[in-house]
N, C-alpha and C. Protein backbone atom coordinates (compact mmCIF):
# COMPACT_ATOMS: atom_id res chain seq x y z
N UNK A 1 -6.29 10.38 24.13
CA UNK A 1 -6.72 9.40 23.17
C UNK A 1 -5.52 8.88 22.37
N UNK A 2 -5.36 7.60 22.28
CA UNK A 2 -4.23 7.03 21.57
C UNK A 2 -4.46 7.08 20.07
N UNK A 3 -3.41 7.49 19.35
CA UNK A 3 -3.46 7.64 17.89
C UNK A 3 -3.38 6.25 17.26
N UNK A 4 -4.23 5.96 16.31
CA UNK A 4 -4.23 4.69 15.59
C UNK A 4 -3.06 4.70 14.59
N UNK A 5 -2.24 3.69 14.62
CA UNK A 5 -1.11 3.54 13.72
C UNK A 5 -1.47 2.53 12.61
N UNK A 6 -1.47 2.98 11.38
CA UNK A 6 -1.78 2.14 10.23
C UNK A 6 -0.56 1.88 9.42
N UNK A 7 -0.48 0.70 8.81
CA UNK A 7 0.70 0.38 8.01
C UNK A 7 0.75 1.16 6.71
N UNK A 8 1.98 1.31 6.25
CA UNK A 8 2.26 1.93 4.93
C UNK A 8 3.23 0.96 4.21
N UNK A 9 2.90 0.67 2.98
CA UNK A 9 3.77 -0.23 2.19
C UNK A 9 4.26 0.50 0.95
N UNK A 10 5.43 0.04 0.53
CA UNK A 10 6.04 0.55 -0.71
C UNK A 10 6.45 -0.67 -1.53
N UNK A 11 6.04 -0.65 -2.77
CA UNK A 11 6.45 -1.68 -3.72
C UNK A 11 7.33 -0.96 -4.75
N UNK A 12 8.54 -1.46 -4.97
CA UNK A 12 9.45 -0.96 -5.95
C UNK A 12 9.70 -2.05 -7.00
N UNK A 13 9.35 -1.75 -8.22
CA UNK A 13 9.48 -2.69 -9.32
C UNK A 13 10.54 -2.24 -10.27
N UNK A 14 11.42 -3.18 -10.68
CA UNK A 14 12.42 -2.85 -11.68
C UNK A 14 12.33 -3.88 -12.82
N UNK A 15 12.29 -3.40 -14.08
CA UNK A 15 12.21 -4.27 -15.21
C UNK A 15 13.56 -4.96 -15.36
N UNK A 16 13.53 -6.30 -15.42
CA UNK A 16 14.72 -7.09 -15.49
C UNK A 16 15.41 -6.91 -16.85
N UNK A 17 16.70 -6.65 -16.82
CA UNK A 17 17.54 -6.54 -18.02
C UNK A 17 17.02 -5.50 -19.01
N UNK A 18 16.50 -4.38 -18.52
CA UNK A 18 15.94 -3.36 -19.39
C UNK A 18 16.96 -2.69 -20.30
N UNK A 19 18.20 -2.43 -19.87
CA UNK A 19 19.18 -1.90 -20.83
C UNK A 19 19.41 -2.82 -21.96
N UNK A 20 19.45 -4.11 -21.69
CA UNK A 20 19.64 -5.11 -22.77
C UNK A 20 18.41 -5.13 -23.69
N UNK A 21 17.23 -4.88 -23.13
CA UNK A 21 16.00 -4.79 -23.95
C UNK A 21 16.15 -3.63 -24.93
N UNK A 22 16.53 -2.48 -24.42
CA UNK A 22 16.73 -1.28 -25.29
C UNK A 22 17.81 -1.54 -26.36
N UNK A 23 18.87 -2.20 -25.97
CA UNK A 23 19.93 -2.46 -26.94
C UNK A 23 19.47 -3.44 -28.03
N UNK A 24 18.61 -4.39 -27.67
CA UNK A 24 18.13 -5.38 -28.63
C UNK A 24 17.05 -4.85 -29.53
N UNK A 25 16.08 -4.11 -28.94
CA UNK A 25 14.89 -3.74 -29.73
C UNK A 25 14.81 -2.24 -30.03
N UNK A 26 15.68 -1.41 -29.46
CA UNK A 26 15.68 0.00 -29.71
C UNK A 26 14.88 0.77 -28.71
N UNK A 27 15.12 2.09 -28.70
CA UNK A 27 14.47 2.94 -27.67
C UNK A 27 12.98 3.10 -27.86
N UNK A 28 12.49 3.10 -29.12
CA UNK A 28 11.05 3.19 -29.32
C UNK A 28 10.33 1.98 -28.74
N UNK A 29 10.91 0.78 -28.98
CA UNK A 29 10.31 -0.41 -28.37
C UNK A 29 10.40 -0.35 -26.86
N UNK A 30 11.54 0.18 -26.36
CA UNK A 30 11.71 0.33 -24.93
C UNK A 30 10.67 1.24 -24.32
N UNK A 31 10.40 2.32 -25.01
CA UNK A 31 9.36 3.29 -24.54
C UNK A 31 7.98 2.60 -24.54
N UNK A 32 7.71 1.84 -25.56
CA UNK A 32 6.44 1.13 -25.62
C UNK A 32 6.33 0.07 -24.49
N UNK A 33 7.45 -0.58 -24.23
CA UNK A 33 7.48 -1.55 -23.13
C UNK A 33 7.16 -0.85 -21.80
N UNK A 34 7.81 0.31 -21.58
CA UNK A 34 7.56 1.08 -20.35
C UNK A 34 6.10 1.48 -20.24
N UNK A 35 5.50 1.88 -21.35
CA UNK A 35 4.06 2.28 -21.33
C UNK A 35 3.21 1.07 -20.90
N UNK A 36 3.48 -0.05 -21.50
CA UNK A 36 2.67 -1.25 -21.18
C UNK A 36 2.84 -1.69 -19.75
N UNK A 37 4.06 -1.66 -19.29
CA UNK A 37 4.35 -2.04 -17.87
C UNK A 37 3.66 -1.04 -16.94
N UNK A 38 3.77 0.25 -17.23
CA UNK A 38 3.17 1.28 -16.39
C UNK A 38 1.65 1.09 -16.34
N UNK A 39 1.04 0.87 -17.47
CA UNK A 39 -0.42 0.66 -17.52
C UNK A 39 -0.82 -0.57 -16.72
N UNK A 40 -0.06 -1.63 -16.86
CA UNK A 40 -0.36 -2.86 -16.15
C UNK A 40 -0.23 -2.68 -14.67
N UNK A 41 0.84 -2.04 -14.19
CA UNK A 41 1.00 -1.79 -12.76
C UNK A 41 -0.18 -0.93 -12.26
N UNK A 42 -0.49 0.11 -13.01
CA UNK A 42 -1.60 1.00 -12.62
C UNK A 42 -2.93 0.26 -12.56
N UNK A 43 -3.14 -0.67 -13.47
CA UNK A 43 -4.43 -1.40 -13.47
C UNK A 43 -4.53 -2.43 -12.34
N UNK A 44 -3.40 -2.73 -11.68
CA UNK A 44 -3.44 -3.64 -10.54
C UNK A 44 -3.74 -2.93 -9.23
N UNK A 45 -3.85 -1.64 -9.27
CA UNK A 45 -4.13 -0.82 -8.09
C UNK A 45 -5.40 -1.35 -7.36
N UNK A 46 -5.37 -1.42 -6.07
CA UNK A 46 -6.49 -1.92 -5.32
C UNK A 46 -7.34 -0.83 -4.67
N UNK A 47 -6.73 0.23 -4.24
CA UNK A 47 -7.47 1.29 -3.50
C UNK A 47 -7.24 2.61 -4.23
N UNK A 48 -8.21 3.51 -4.10
CA UNK A 48 -8.08 4.82 -4.71
C UNK A 48 -6.91 5.59 -4.14
N UNK A 49 -6.52 5.26 -2.92
CA UNK A 49 -5.40 5.96 -2.26
C UNK A 49 -4.03 5.47 -2.67
N UNK A 50 -3.97 4.31 -3.38
CA UNK A 50 -2.71 3.80 -3.87
C UNK A 50 -2.11 4.77 -4.89
N UNK A 51 -0.82 5.04 -4.76
CA UNK A 51 -0.16 5.96 -5.72
C UNK A 51 0.88 5.19 -6.51
N UNK A 52 0.85 5.32 -7.82
CA UNK A 52 1.79 4.64 -8.70
C UNK A 52 2.57 5.71 -9.42
N UNK A 53 3.90 5.50 -9.54
CA UNK A 53 4.74 6.49 -10.23
C UNK A 53 5.94 5.83 -10.86
N UNK A 54 6.41 6.41 -11.94
CA UNK A 54 7.67 5.96 -12.51
C UNK A 54 8.75 6.59 -11.64
N UNK A 55 9.62 5.74 -11.14
CA UNK A 55 10.62 6.17 -10.16
C UNK A 55 11.98 6.48 -10.82
N UNK A 56 12.33 5.69 -11.83
CA UNK A 56 13.59 5.89 -12.53
C UNK A 56 13.41 5.30 -13.89
N UNK A 57 14.51 5.23 -14.67
CA UNK A 57 14.45 4.77 -16.04
C UNK A 57 13.62 3.48 -16.19
N UNK A 58 13.96 2.48 -15.37
CA UNK A 58 13.26 1.19 -15.50
C UNK A 58 12.61 0.75 -14.20
N UNK A 59 12.24 1.71 -13.36
CA UNK A 59 11.66 1.41 -12.05
C UNK A 59 10.32 2.12 -11.90
N UNK A 60 9.46 1.45 -11.14
CA UNK A 60 8.16 2.03 -10.82
C UNK A 60 7.95 1.82 -9.32
N UNK A 61 7.29 2.80 -8.68
CA UNK A 61 7.00 2.70 -7.22
C UNK A 61 5.50 2.75 -7.02
N UNK A 62 5.05 1.98 -6.06
CA UNK A 62 3.66 2.00 -5.62
C UNK A 62 3.66 2.27 -4.16
N UNK A 63 3.03 3.36 -3.74
CA UNK A 63 2.87 3.70 -2.32
C UNK A 63 1.47 3.30 -1.91
N UNK A 64 1.38 2.48 -0.85
CA UNK A 64 0.14 1.86 -0.52
C UNK A 64 -0.22 2.13 0.94
N UNK A 65 -1.01 3.20 1.19
CA UNK A 65 -1.44 3.49 2.55
C UNK A 65 -2.41 2.41 3.05
N UNK A 66 -2.40 2.15 4.37
CA UNK A 66 -3.30 1.21 4.96
C UNK A 66 -3.14 -0.20 4.38
N UNK A 67 -1.93 -0.58 4.02
CA UNK A 67 -1.65 -1.87 3.40
C UNK A 67 -0.56 -2.56 4.17
N UNK A 68 -0.84 -3.76 4.72
CA UNK A 68 0.18 -4.48 5.47
C UNK A 68 1.08 -5.27 4.55
N UNK A 69 2.05 -5.97 5.13
CA UNK A 69 3.07 -6.66 4.36
C UNK A 69 2.48 -7.79 3.49
N UNK A 70 1.54 -8.52 4.05
CA UNK A 70 0.95 -9.63 3.28
C UNK A 70 0.16 -9.12 2.08
N UNK A 71 -0.64 -8.07 2.34
CA UNK A 71 -1.40 -7.47 1.26
C UNK A 71 -0.49 -6.91 0.19
N UNK A 72 0.56 -6.25 0.60
CA UNK A 72 1.52 -5.64 -0.34
C UNK A 72 2.23 -6.74 -1.17
N UNK A 73 2.61 -7.84 -0.50
CA UNK A 73 3.24 -8.95 -1.18
C UNK A 73 2.27 -9.56 -2.22
N UNK A 74 1.02 -9.74 -1.83
CA UNK A 74 0.03 -10.28 -2.76
C UNK A 74 -0.13 -9.36 -3.99
N UNK A 75 -0.16 -8.06 -3.74
CA UNK A 75 -0.25 -7.08 -4.84
C UNK A 75 0.99 -7.15 -5.71
N UNK A 76 2.15 -7.28 -5.10
CA UNK A 76 3.41 -7.38 -5.87
C UNK A 76 3.40 -8.61 -6.73
N UNK A 77 2.90 -9.72 -6.23
CA UNK A 77 2.83 -10.92 -7.04
C UNK A 77 1.81 -10.78 -8.17
N UNK A 78 0.69 -10.10 -7.90
CA UNK A 78 -0.28 -9.79 -8.95
C UNK A 78 0.41 -8.96 -10.05
N UNK A 79 1.12 -7.95 -9.69
CA UNK A 79 1.79 -7.08 -10.65
C UNK A 79 2.83 -7.90 -11.43
N UNK A 80 3.65 -8.67 -10.70
CA UNK A 80 4.70 -9.47 -11.39
C UNK A 80 4.10 -10.38 -12.41
N UNK A 81 3.02 -11.13 -12.02
CA UNK A 81 2.39 -12.08 -12.93
C UNK A 81 1.74 -11.36 -14.08
N UNK A 82 1.10 -10.22 -13.84
CA UNK A 82 0.42 -9.51 -14.91
C UNK A 82 1.38 -8.96 -15.96
N UNK A 83 2.54 -8.47 -15.50
CA UNK A 83 3.55 -7.97 -16.43
C UNK A 83 4.09 -9.14 -17.26
N UNK A 84 4.41 -10.23 -16.64
CA UNK A 84 4.93 -11.37 -17.38
C UNK A 84 3.89 -11.89 -18.37
N UNK A 85 2.61 -11.88 -17.97
CA UNK A 85 1.51 -12.33 -18.83
C UNK A 85 1.32 -11.45 -20.07
N UNK A 86 1.85 -10.22 -20.02
CA UNK A 86 1.76 -9.37 -21.23
C UNK A 86 2.42 -10.04 -22.43
N UNK A 87 3.38 -10.91 -22.13
CA UNK A 87 4.07 -11.63 -23.22
C UNK A 87 4.94 -10.76 -24.08
N UNK A 88 5.50 -9.70 -23.49
CA UNK A 88 6.41 -8.83 -24.27
C UNK A 88 7.72 -9.59 -24.43
N UNK A 89 8.06 -10.00 -25.63
CA UNK A 89 9.23 -10.78 -25.89
C UNK A 89 10.48 -10.04 -25.49
N UNK A 90 11.40 -10.76 -24.82
CA UNK A 90 12.67 -10.19 -24.34
C UNK A 90 13.79 -11.23 -24.55
N UNK A 91 14.29 -11.29 -25.75
CA UNK A 91 15.28 -12.26 -26.15
C UNK A 91 16.61 -12.08 -25.38
N UNK A 92 16.87 -10.87 -24.86
CA UNK A 92 18.12 -10.62 -24.16
C UNK A 92 18.06 -10.97 -22.68
N UNK A 93 16.91 -11.37 -22.19
CA UNK A 93 16.78 -11.75 -20.79
C UNK A 93 17.37 -13.15 -20.56
N UNK A 94 17.99 -13.33 -19.39
CA UNK A 94 18.54 -14.62 -19.05
C UNK A 94 17.62 -15.43 -18.16
N UNK A 95 16.47 -14.84 -17.77
CA UNK A 95 15.53 -15.53 -16.87
C UNK A 95 14.20 -15.91 -17.51
N UNK A 96 13.85 -15.28 -18.60
CA UNK A 96 12.59 -15.55 -19.23
C UNK A 96 12.63 -15.08 -20.68
N UNK A 97 11.74 -15.62 -21.50
CA UNK A 97 11.69 -15.10 -22.88
C UNK A 97 10.80 -13.87 -22.95
N UNK A 98 10.21 -13.50 -21.80
CA UNK A 98 9.33 -12.32 -21.73
C UNK A 98 9.87 -11.30 -20.75
N UNK A 99 9.39 -10.08 -20.81
CA UNK A 99 9.75 -9.05 -19.86
C UNK A 99 9.22 -9.46 -18.49
N UNK A 100 10.08 -9.33 -17.46
CA UNK A 100 9.75 -9.68 -16.11
C UNK A 100 10.17 -8.53 -15.16
N UNK A 101 9.73 -8.65 -13.93
CA UNK A 101 10.05 -7.64 -12.93
C UNK A 101 10.73 -8.29 -11.72
N UNK A 102 11.67 -7.57 -11.13
CA UNK A 102 12.19 -7.87 -9.82
C UNK A 102 11.56 -6.82 -8.88
N UNK A 103 10.99 -7.27 -7.79
CA UNK A 103 10.19 -6.37 -6.95
C UNK A 103 10.62 -6.43 -5.49
N UNK A 104 10.77 -5.27 -4.89
CA UNK A 104 11.02 -5.14 -3.49
C UNK A 104 9.78 -4.60 -2.80
N UNK A 105 9.44 -5.19 -1.66
CA UNK A 105 8.26 -4.81 -0.91
C UNK A 105 8.70 -4.48 0.52
N UNK A 106 8.27 -3.36 1.05
CA UNK A 106 8.52 -3.02 2.45
C UNK A 106 7.27 -2.45 3.07
N UNK A 107 6.99 -2.85 4.31
CA UNK A 107 5.84 -2.37 5.06
C UNK A 107 6.31 -1.88 6.40
N UNK A 108 5.79 -0.76 6.83
CA UNK A 108 6.16 -0.16 8.12
C UNK A 108 4.95 0.51 8.73
N UNK A 109 5.09 0.76 10.02
CA UNK A 109 4.17 1.68 10.69
C UNK A 109 4.93 3.00 10.71
N UNK A 110 4.44 4.02 10.01
CA UNK A 110 5.18 5.28 9.93
C UNK A 110 5.45 5.88 11.33
N UNK A 111 6.63 6.48 11.43
CA UNK A 111 6.98 7.19 12.67
C UNK A 111 7.99 8.28 12.35
N UNK A 112 8.22 9.14 13.26
CA UNK A 112 9.17 10.25 13.10
C UNK A 112 10.61 9.72 12.95
N UNK A 113 10.85 8.47 13.44
CA UNK A 113 12.18 7.91 13.35
C UNK A 113 12.53 7.31 12.00
N UNK A 114 11.53 7.17 11.16
CA UNK A 114 11.70 6.51 9.85
C UNK A 114 11.51 7.55 8.75
N UNK A 115 12.56 7.81 7.99
CA UNK A 115 12.44 8.79 6.90
C UNK A 115 12.05 8.10 5.61
N UNK A 116 11.61 8.92 4.64
CA UNK A 116 11.32 8.38 3.32
C UNK A 116 12.58 7.73 2.73
N UNK A 117 13.73 8.32 2.99
CA UNK A 117 14.98 7.79 2.48
C UNK A 117 15.26 6.37 3.08
N UNK A 118 14.91 6.16 4.34
CA UNK A 118 15.09 4.87 4.95
C UNK A 118 14.19 3.82 4.27
N UNK A 119 12.96 4.23 4.03
CA UNK A 119 12.00 3.34 3.36
C UNK A 119 12.52 2.95 1.96
N UNK A 120 13.00 3.93 1.23
CA UNK A 120 13.53 3.68 -0.11
C UNK A 120 14.79 2.81 -0.08
N UNK A 121 15.62 3.01 0.94
CA UNK A 121 16.83 2.17 1.09
C UNK A 121 16.45 0.71 1.29
N UNK A 122 15.45 0.45 2.10
CA UNK A 122 14.98 -0.91 2.33
C UNK A 122 14.39 -1.48 1.04
N UNK A 123 13.58 -0.69 0.34
CA UNK A 123 12.97 -1.16 -0.90
C UNK A 123 14.06 -1.47 -1.95
N UNK A 124 15.07 -0.61 -2.09
CA UNK A 124 16.14 -0.85 -3.04
C UNK A 124 16.89 -2.12 -2.68
N UNK A 125 17.17 -2.33 -1.40
CA UNK A 125 17.82 -3.54 -0.96
C UNK A 125 16.99 -4.78 -1.29
N UNK A 126 15.67 -4.63 -1.18
CA UNK A 126 14.78 -5.75 -1.47
C UNK A 126 14.77 -6.08 -2.97
N UNK A 127 14.81 -5.04 -3.82
CA UNK A 127 14.88 -5.28 -5.27
C UNK A 127 16.20 -5.95 -5.60
N UNK A 128 17.30 -5.45 -4.98
CA UNK A 128 18.60 -6.08 -5.21
C UNK A 128 18.61 -7.54 -4.82
N UNK A 129 17.95 -7.85 -3.69
CA UNK A 129 17.88 -9.24 -3.25
C UNK A 129 17.07 -10.08 -4.26
N UNK A 130 15.97 -9.54 -4.78
CA UNK A 130 15.20 -10.26 -5.78
C UNK A 130 16.04 -10.53 -7.03
N UNK A 131 16.85 -9.57 -7.40
CA UNK A 131 17.72 -9.74 -8.59
C UNK A 131 18.81 -10.79 -8.32
N UNK A 132 19.35 -10.81 -7.07
CA UNK A 132 20.36 -11.80 -6.75
C UNK A 132 19.80 -13.20 -6.74
N UNK A 133 18.50 -13.31 -6.48
CA UNK A 133 17.83 -14.61 -6.49
C UNK A 133 17.27 -14.95 -7.88
N UNK A 134 17.90 -14.46 -8.94
CA UNK A 134 17.63 -14.79 -10.31
C UNK A 134 16.46 -14.03 -10.91
N UNK A 135 16.06 -12.90 -10.36
CA UNK A 135 15.03 -12.02 -10.91
C UNK A 135 13.68 -12.66 -10.98
N UNK A 136 12.72 -11.94 -11.61
CA UNK A 136 11.35 -12.42 -11.78
C UNK A 136 10.77 -12.89 -10.46
N UNK A 137 10.84 -12.08 -9.43
CA UNK A 137 10.30 -12.43 -8.14
C UNK A 137 10.09 -11.20 -7.27
N UNK A 138 9.31 -11.37 -6.22
CA UNK A 138 9.14 -10.31 -5.26
C UNK A 138 9.89 -10.71 -4.01
N UNK A 139 10.47 -9.74 -3.32
CA UNK A 139 11.19 -10.01 -2.09
C UNK A 139 10.67 -9.13 -1.01
N UNK A 140 10.37 -9.71 0.14
CA UNK A 140 9.84 -8.98 1.27
C UNK A 140 10.87 -9.12 2.44
N UNK A 141 11.44 -8.01 2.86
CA UNK A 141 12.40 -8.18 4.01
C UNK A 141 11.60 -8.39 5.28
N UNK A 142 12.22 -9.08 6.17
CA UNK A 142 11.68 -9.28 7.53
C UNK A 142 12.42 -8.30 8.40
N UNK A 143 11.76 -7.29 8.85
CA UNK A 143 12.41 -6.20 9.63
C UNK A 143 12.36 -6.57 11.09
N UNK A 144 13.54 -6.60 11.68
CA UNK A 144 13.68 -6.80 13.15
C UNK A 144 14.29 -5.61 13.74
N UNK A 145 14.50 -5.65 15.01
CA UNK A 145 15.05 -4.50 15.74
C UNK A 145 16.46 -4.19 15.21
N UNK A 146 17.21 -5.22 14.79
CA UNK A 146 18.57 -4.98 14.28
C UNK A 146 18.56 -4.14 12.98
N UNK A 147 17.52 -4.33 12.18
CA UNK A 147 17.42 -3.61 10.92
C UNK A 147 16.97 -2.18 11.14
N UNK A 148 16.20 -1.95 12.22
CA UNK A 148 15.62 -0.62 12.39
C UNK A 148 16.50 0.30 13.21
N UNK A 149 17.59 -0.24 13.73
CA UNK A 149 18.38 0.59 14.66
C UNK A 149 19.39 1.49 14.02
N UNK A 150 19.62 1.31 12.71
CA UNK A 150 20.62 2.13 12.03
C UNK A 150 19.95 3.08 11.08
N UNK A 151 20.74 4.02 10.59
CA UNK A 151 20.15 5.00 9.67
C UNK A 151 19.96 4.41 8.25
N UNK A 152 20.66 3.34 7.94
CA UNK A 152 20.47 2.65 6.68
C UNK A 152 20.14 1.20 6.95
N UNK A 153 18.83 0.95 7.22
CA UNK A 153 18.42 -0.39 7.65
C UNK A 153 18.44 -1.42 6.54
N UNK A 154 19.59 -2.02 6.30
CA UNK A 154 19.66 -3.09 5.32
C UNK A 154 20.71 -4.08 5.79
N UNK A 155 20.72 -5.23 5.17
CA UNK A 155 21.74 -6.19 5.53
C UNK A 155 21.19 -7.20 6.51
N UNK A 156 21.57 -7.09 7.79
CA UNK A 156 21.31 -8.11 8.79
C UNK A 156 19.79 -8.37 8.96
N UNK A 157 18.95 -7.37 8.75
CA UNK A 157 17.54 -7.60 8.99
C UNK A 157 16.77 -8.06 7.79
N UNK A 158 17.45 -8.33 6.69
CA UNK A 158 16.73 -8.77 5.48
C UNK A 158 16.87 -10.25 5.29
N UNK A 159 15.72 -10.93 5.11
CA UNK A 159 15.73 -12.33 4.75
C UNK A 159 14.62 -12.51 3.75
N UNK A 160 14.80 -13.47 2.83
CA UNK A 160 13.80 -13.63 1.76
C UNK A 160 12.49 -14.21 2.25
N UNK A 161 11.42 -13.83 1.56
CA UNK A 161 10.17 -14.52 1.74
C UNK A 161 10.36 -15.85 1.06
N UNK A 162 10.22 -16.93 1.79
CA UNK A 162 10.53 -18.26 1.21
C UNK A 162 9.49 -18.61 0.16
N UNK A 163 9.92 -19.29 -0.87
CA UNK A 163 8.99 -19.73 -1.89
C UNK A 163 9.75 -20.31 -3.06
N UNK A 164 8.99 -20.72 -4.06
CA UNK A 164 9.65 -21.30 -5.21
C UNK A 164 10.18 -20.23 -6.14
N UNK A 165 10.82 -20.59 -7.22
CA UNK A 165 11.46 -19.68 -8.12
C UNK A 165 10.53 -18.67 -8.75
N UNK A 166 9.25 -19.04 -8.91
CA UNK A 166 8.29 -18.12 -9.53
C UNK A 166 7.83 -17.07 -8.53
N UNK A 167 8.07 -17.24 -7.28
CA UNK A 167 7.58 -16.30 -6.28
C UNK A 167 6.09 -16.43 -6.05
N UNK A 168 5.50 -17.54 -6.45
CA UNK A 168 4.07 -17.69 -6.39
C UNK A 168 3.53 -17.99 -4.98
N UNK A 169 4.43 -18.36 -4.07
CA UNK A 169 3.98 -18.66 -2.73
C UNK A 169 3.61 -17.39 -1.96
N UNK A 170 2.70 -17.51 -1.04
CA UNK A 170 2.32 -16.37 -0.21
C UNK A 170 3.25 -16.34 0.99
N UNK A 171 2.98 -15.44 1.90
CA UNK A 171 3.84 -15.24 3.07
C UNK A 171 3.59 -16.28 4.16
N UNK A 172 2.69 -17.22 3.96
CA UNK A 172 2.35 -18.19 4.98
C UNK A 172 3.62 -18.92 5.43
N UNK A 173 3.77 -18.99 6.75
CA UNK A 173 4.92 -19.68 7.31
C UNK A 173 6.11 -18.76 7.50
N UNK A 174 6.05 -17.56 6.97
CA UNK A 174 7.18 -16.61 7.15
C UNK A 174 6.78 -15.62 8.25
N UNK A 175 7.77 -15.23 9.01
CA UNK A 175 7.53 -14.28 10.10
C UNK A 175 7.78 -12.89 9.54
N UNK A 176 6.72 -12.13 9.40
CA UNK A 176 6.85 -10.74 8.95
C UNK A 176 6.52 -9.85 10.11
N UNK A 177 7.47 -9.00 10.48
CA UNK A 177 7.29 -8.11 11.62
C UNK A 177 7.21 -6.69 11.08
N UNK A 178 6.18 -6.02 11.48
CA UNK A 178 6.03 -4.61 11.12
C UNK A 178 6.28 -3.84 12.39
N UNK A 179 7.27 -3.00 12.37
CA UNK A 179 7.65 -2.28 13.57
C UNK A 179 7.28 -0.83 13.45
N UNK A 180 6.97 -0.25 14.63
CA UNK A 180 6.89 1.19 14.74
C UNK A 180 8.30 1.66 15.09
N UNK A 181 8.97 2.29 14.11
CA UNK A 181 10.37 2.66 14.33
C UNK A 181 10.50 3.98 14.99
């Protein structure tokens, strides 16, 4: 009997210019900002199996079983919009007067050839790409065979999900390939 392979997605969110936020408003305000962002991300959860965690000082991770790239991108956009809609003032940001997120999204079919470290490497690269494109957006890499053949799959296999500056466009028209690595 053939084993059913289901997608697994990871969303990595980083608060834009968070060190500058702490420097401007202080660590207590920074802690309150983190609490509000964490609550908002958690409230966007779609399935009971979705796991949300604080990953680093200004990063949060969402692990989404049985979620494909388009669904993960839609959730990332929901999270991005919801955090911005909180209206937490951020005078030190160069992209918005409010707290925003840069988000990396990656979806795979899990396999023995793909480690958790590989998945995180791709997600980090995606966040970096979102930041390079002026922040306040979600970035979905398009994984091809060239990206999956190395131990650190980044670079050549990453291309942006096309859309406007707000990241409001869906994946329509973009080729998203989910590989069993």
